[in-house]
Amino acid sequence: MDIPETHSFIILGLTTQGKKFRPSDWAERLCGVLSQVRATRKMRYSPYVSPGDYNGEKAVFVDAALREADADAYRFVLNFAQENDLQVVSGVCPLDTV
């Protein structure tokens, strides 16, 4: 997987062979790992990683600013995509403009 370290990217819920990735809530689970619990005891996703849909498929949107904020977390999500053979769309816009 060749993703420049300065790019935002999207991890799709499809393997490189086009099979759907399971479980169906994988995007929320991945984003939950990087979430924080506020004083109100409500979970809040990271401002740099967000679950959603992309062209009708489950996806995780990753803002390149995550690399500056937490390089280990940035590598973690990249490794997750690589280890699970997931499709990645590179060079997309940051989350605040989506």
N, C-alpha and C. Protein backbone atom coordinates (compact mmCIF):
# COMPACT_ATOMS: atom_id res chain seq x y z
N MET A 1 0.86 -1.18 0.00
CA MET A 1 0.00 0.00 0.00
C MET A 1 0.90 1.23 0.00
N ASP A 2 0.70 2.09 -0.97
CA ASP A 2 1.54 3.27 -1.12
C ASP A 2 0.73 4.52 -0.84
N ILE A 3 0.74 4.98 0.41
CA ILE A 3 0.02 6.19 0.77
C ILE A 3 1.04 7.20 1.28
N PRO A 4 1.16 8.34 0.61
CA PRO A 4 2.05 9.37 1.13
C PRO A 4 1.62 9.78 2.53
N GLU A 5 2.58 9.99 3.40
CA GLU A 5 2.26 10.24 4.80
C GLU A 5 1.57 11.57 5.05
N THR A 6 1.44 12.39 4.02
CA THR A 6 0.80 13.69 4.20
C THR A 6 -0.62 13.71 3.66
N HIS A 7 -1.13 12.57 3.21
CA HIS A 7 -2.45 12.54 2.58
C HIS A 7 -3.54 12.03 3.51
N SER A 8 -4.71 12.62 3.35
CA SER A 8 -5.90 12.05 3.95
C SER A 8 -6.29 10.85 3.10
N PHE A 9 -7.00 9.91 3.68
CA PHE A 9 -7.38 8.73 2.91
C PHE A 9 -8.65 8.13 3.47
N ILE A 10 -9.23 7.21 2.70
CA ILE A 10 -10.45 6.51 3.09
C ILE A 10 -10.16 5.02 3.03
N ILE A 11 -10.51 4.32 4.10
CA ILE A 11 -10.42 2.87 4.11
C ILE A 11 -11.81 2.35 3.79
N LEU A 12 -11.92 1.57 2.73
CA LEU A 12 -13.20 1.02 2.32
C LEU A 12 -13.43 -0.36 2.94
N GLY A 13 -14.68 -0.70 3.13
CA GLY A 13 -15.06 -1.99 3.68
C GLY A 13 -15.08 -3.08 2.63
N LEU A 14 -14.14 -3.02 1.71
CA LEU A 14 -13.99 -4.02 0.66
C LEU A 14 -12.54 -4.46 0.60
N THR A 15 -12.33 -5.76 0.46
CA THR A 15 -10.97 -6.25 0.29
C THR A 15 -10.50 -5.90 -1.12
N THR A 16 -9.22 -6.10 -1.36
CA THR A 16 -8.71 -5.80 -2.71
C THR A 16 -9.30 -6.74 -3.75
N GLN A 17 -9.88 -7.86 -3.31
CA GLN A 17 -10.57 -8.77 -4.22
C GLN A 17 -12.05 -8.42 -4.37
N GLY A 18 -12.51 -7.35 -3.70
CA GLY A 18 -13.88 -6.88 -3.84
C GLY A 18 -14.88 -7.52 -2.89
N LYS A 19 -14.40 -8.30 -1.90
CA LYS A 19 -15.32 -8.92 -0.93
C LYS A 19 -15.60 -7.96 0.21
N LYS A 20 -16.85 -7.99 0.72
CA LYS A 20 -17.22 -7.14 1.86
C LYS A 20 -16.45 -7.57 3.09
N PHE A 21 -15.96 -6.58 3.84
CA PHE A 21 -15.25 -6.84 5.08
C PHE A 21 -16.25 -7.00 6.21
N ARG A 22 -16.04 -7.95 7.06
CA ARG A 22 -16.92 -8.22 8.20
C ARG A 22 -16.14 -8.11 9.49
N PRO A 23 -16.77 -7.75 10.59
CA PRO A 23 -18.21 -7.62 10.82
C PRO A 23 -18.74 -6.31 10.21
N SER A 24 -20.05 -6.22 10.14
CA SER A 24 -20.66 -5.07 9.47
C SER A 24 -20.41 -3.75 10.19
N ASP A 25 -20.07 -3.80 11.48
CA ASP A 25 -19.80 -2.57 12.23
C ASP A 25 -18.30 -2.30 12.39
N TRP A 26 -17.49 -2.82 11.48
CA TRP A 26 -16.04 -2.69 11.57
C TRP A 26 -15.60 -1.22 11.62
N ALA A 27 -16.25 -0.35 10.84
CA ALA A 27 -15.85 1.06 10.78
C ALA A 27 -16.06 1.74 12.14
N GLU A 28 -17.20 1.49 12.77
CA GLU A 28 -17.47 2.07 14.08
C GLU A 28 -16.50 1.52 15.14
N ARG A 29 -16.20 0.23 15.04
CA ARG A 29 -15.25 -0.38 15.98
C ARG A 29 -13.86 0.23 15.85
N LEU A 30 -13.40 0.37 14.60
CA LEU A 30 -12.08 0.95 14.37
C LEU A 30 -12.02 2.39 14.90
N CYS A 31 -13.03 3.17 14.60
CA CYS A 31 -13.06 4.56 15.08
C CYS A 31 -13.22 4.60 16.60
N GLY A 32 -13.91 3.62 17.17
CA GLY A 32 -14.07 3.55 18.62
C GLY A 32 -12.76 3.36 19.34
N VAL A 33 -11.84 2.63 18.72
CA VAL A 33 -10.51 2.43 19.32
C VAL A 33 -9.81 3.77 19.51
N LEU A 34 -10.06 4.71 18.60
CA LEU A 34 -9.40 6.01 18.65
C LEU A 34 -10.28 7.10 19.24
N SER A 35 -11.38 6.70 19.88
CA SER A 35 -12.31 7.69 20.43
C SER A 35 -11.92 8.08 21.85
N GLN A 36 -12.64 9.04 22.37
CA GLN A 36 -12.43 9.48 23.75
C GLN A 36 -13.78 9.56 24.45
N VAL A 37 -13.75 9.34 25.75
CA VAL A 37 -14.98 9.44 26.54
C VAL A 37 -14.94 10.79 27.25
N ARG A 38 -15.97 11.55 27.06
CA ARG A 38 -16.04 12.89 27.64
C ARG A 38 -16.54 12.82 29.08
N ALA A 39 -16.50 13.93 29.77
CA ALA A 39 -16.94 13.99 31.17
C ALA A 39 -18.39 13.58 31.31
N THR A 40 -19.18 13.74 30.26
CA THR A 40 -20.60 13.37 30.29
C THR A 40 -20.78 11.87 30.08
N ARG A 41 -19.67 11.15 29.98
CA ARG A 41 -19.63 9.70 29.76
C ARG A 41 -20.17 9.30 28.39
N LYS A 42 -20.10 10.23 27.47
CA LYS A 42 -20.50 9.93 26.10
C LYS A 42 -19.24 9.81 25.25
N MET A 43 -19.23 8.80 24.39
CA MET A 43 -18.10 8.58 23.52
C MET A 43 -18.12 9.60 22.38
N ARG A 44 -16.95 10.07 22.03
CA ARG A 44 -16.82 11.01 20.91
C ARG A 44 -15.69 10.53 20.02
N TYR A 45 -15.99 10.38 18.74
CA TYR A 45 -14.95 9.96 17.80
C TYR A 45 -13.86 11.02 17.71
N SER A 46 -12.69 10.58 17.37
CA SER A 46 -11.57 11.49 17.12
C SER A 46 -11.96 12.47 16.01
N PRO A 47 -11.49 13.70 16.07
CA PRO A 47 -11.78 14.64 14.99
C PRO A 47 -11.05 14.26 13.69
N TYR A 48 -10.12 13.31 13.77
CA TYR A 48 -9.31 12.92 12.62
C TYR A 48 -9.75 11.62 11.95
N VAL A 49 -10.61 10.85 12.62
CA VAL A 49 -11.02 9.54 12.11
C VAL A 49 -12.53 9.42 12.28
N SER A 50 -13.23 9.13 11.19
CA SER A 50 -14.69 9.11 11.26
C SER A 50 -15.27 7.99 10.39
N PRO A 51 -16.25 7.25 10.92
CA PRO A 51 -16.92 6.24 10.09
C PRO A 51 -17.92 6.91 9.16
N GLY A 52 -18.21 6.27 8.07
CA GLY A 52 -19.20 6.80 7.13
C GLY A 52 -19.39 5.86 5.95
N ASP A 53 -19.94 6.40 4.88
CA ASP A 53 -20.15 5.64 3.65
C ASP A 53 -19.42 6.35 2.52
N TYR A 54 -18.89 5.56 1.62
CA TYR A 54 -18.22 6.09 0.44
C TYR A 54 -18.66 5.25 -0.74
N ASN A 55 -19.35 5.86 -1.67
CA ASN A 55 -19.88 5.15 -2.84
C ASN A 55 -20.69 3.92 -2.44
N GLY A 56 -21.47 4.07 -1.37
CA GLY A 56 -22.36 3.00 -0.93
C GLY A 56 -21.71 1.92 -0.09
N GLU A 57 -20.44 2.07 0.25
CA GLU A 57 -19.72 1.09 1.07
C GLU A 57 -19.35 1.70 2.41
N LYS A 58 -19.34 0.85 3.46
CA LYS A 58 -18.85 1.30 4.77
C LYS A 58 -17.42 1.77 4.59
N ALA A 59 -17.06 2.81 5.32
CA ALA A 59 -15.72 3.37 5.17
C ALA A 59 -15.28 4.07 6.44
N VAL A 60 -13.99 4.29 6.54
CA VAL A 60 -13.42 5.11 7.60
C VAL A 60 -12.62 6.21 6.91
N PHE A 61 -12.95 7.45 7.25
CA PHE A 61 -12.27 8.62 6.71
C PHE A 61 -11.16 9.03 7.67
N VAL A 62 -9.95 9.15 7.15
CA VAL A 62 -8.80 9.47 8.00
C VAL A 62 -8.17 10.76 7.49
N ASP A 63 -8.15 11.77 8.36
CA ASP A 63 -7.56 13.06 8.03
C ASP A 63 -6.05 12.97 8.22
N ALA A 64 -5.29 13.53 7.29
CA ALA A 64 -3.83 13.51 7.36
C ALA A 64 -3.32 14.20 8.63
N ALA A 65 -4.11 15.09 9.21
CA ALA A 65 -3.70 15.78 10.44
C ALA A 65 -3.50 14.80 11.60
N LEU A 66 -4.07 13.59 11.48
CA LEU A 66 -3.86 12.58 12.52
C LEU A 66 -2.39 12.25 12.67
N ARG A 67 -1.66 12.26 11.57
CA ARG A 67 -0.22 11.95 11.62
C ARG A 67 0.52 12.92 12.53
N GLU A 68 0.17 14.19 12.45
CA GLU A 68 0.81 15.19 13.32
C GLU A 68 0.34 15.06 14.76
N ALA A 69 -0.93 14.78 14.94
CA ALA A 69 -1.50 14.69 16.29
C ALA A 69 -1.06 13.42 17.00
N ASP A 70 -1.00 12.30 16.26
CA ASP A 70 -0.65 11.01 16.88
C ASP A 70 -0.15 10.07 15.80
N ALA A 71 1.16 10.09 15.56
CA ALA A 71 1.76 9.28 14.49
C ALA A 71 1.50 7.79 14.69
N ASP A 72 1.46 7.33 15.93
CA ASP A 72 1.19 5.91 16.19
C ASP A 72 -0.23 5.54 15.76
N ALA A 73 -1.19 6.40 16.03
CA ALA A 73 -2.58 6.14 15.62
C ALA A 73 -2.70 6.13 14.10
N TYR A 74 -1.98 7.04 13.45
CA TYR A 74 -1.99 7.10 11.98
C TYR A 74 -1.46 5.79 11.41
N ARG A 75 -0.33 5.32 11.94
CA ARG A 75 0.23 4.04 11.49
C ARG A 75 -0.70 2.89 11.82
N PHE A 76 -1.39 2.95 12.96
CA PHE A 76 -2.32 1.90 13.36
C PHE A 76 -3.43 1.72 12.32
N VAL A 77 -4.04 2.81 11.88
CA VAL A 77 -5.13 2.68 10.92
C VAL A 77 -4.61 2.22 9.55
N LEU A 78 -3.42 2.68 9.16
CA LEU A 78 -2.82 2.21 7.92
C LEU A 78 -2.53 0.71 8.00
N ASN A 79 -1.97 0.28 9.13
CA ASN A 79 -1.67 -1.15 9.31
C ASN A 79 -2.95 -1.98 9.33
N PHE A 80 -4.01 -1.46 9.93
CA PHE A 80 -5.30 -2.16 9.95
C PHE A 80 -5.75 -2.44 8.53
N ALA A 81 -5.69 -1.43 7.69
CA ALA A 81 -6.12 -1.58 6.29
C ALA A 81 -5.23 -2.60 5.58
N GLN A 82 -3.94 -2.51 5.78
CA GLN A 82 -3.02 -3.41 5.10
C GLN A 82 -3.18 -4.85 5.59
N GLU A 83 -3.26 -5.05 6.89
CA GLU A 83 -3.37 -6.40 7.45
C GLU A 83 -4.67 -7.09 7.05
N ASN A 84 -5.72 -6.29 6.81
CA ASN A 84 -7.01 -6.86 6.43
C ASN A 84 -7.26 -6.79 4.93
N ASP A 85 -6.22 -6.40 4.16
CA ASP A 85 -6.28 -6.36 2.71
C ASP A 85 -7.44 -5.50 2.20
N LEU A 86 -7.64 -4.34 2.85
CA LEU A 86 -8.75 -3.45 2.49
C LEU A 86 -8.33 -2.43 1.45
N GLN A 87 -9.29 -2.03 0.64
CA GLN A 87 -9.04 -1.00 -0.36
C GLN A 87 -8.89 0.36 0.32
N VAL A 88 -7.96 1.17 -0.19
CA VAL A 88 -7.72 2.50 0.36
C VAL A 88 -7.75 3.51 -0.78
N VAL A 89 -8.47 4.60 -0.56
CA VAL A 89 -8.53 5.70 -1.50
C VAL A 89 -7.67 6.82 -0.92
N SER A 90 -6.61 7.18 -1.59
CA SER A 90 -5.66 8.15 -1.08
C SER A 90 -5.88 9.53 -1.70
N GLY A 91 -5.41 10.55 -0.96
CA GLY A 91 -5.41 11.90 -1.50
C GLY A 91 -6.76 12.59 -1.49
N VAL A 92 -7.65 12.15 -0.61
CA VAL A 92 -8.97 12.79 -0.53
C VAL A 92 -8.90 14.01 0.38
N CYS A 93 -9.98 14.75 0.42
CA CYS A 93 -9.99 15.98 1.21
C CYS A 93 -10.03 15.67 2.71
N PRO A 94 -9.57 16.59 3.56
CA PRO A 94 -9.64 16.42 5.01
C PRO A 94 -11.08 16.31 5.49
N LEU A 95 -11.27 15.77 6.68
CA LEU A 95 -12.61 15.54 7.22
C LEU A 95 -13.42 16.81 7.37
N ASP A 96 -12.79 17.93 7.70
CA ASP A 96 -13.57 19.14 7.95
C ASP A 96 -14.20 19.71 6.68
N THR A 97 -13.82 19.19 5.52
CA THR A 97 -14.43 19.67 4.28
C THR A 97 -15.36 18.64 3.66
N VAL A 98 -15.50 17.47 4.31
CA VAL A 98 -16.37 16.42 3.78
C VAL A 98 -17.79 16.70 4.17
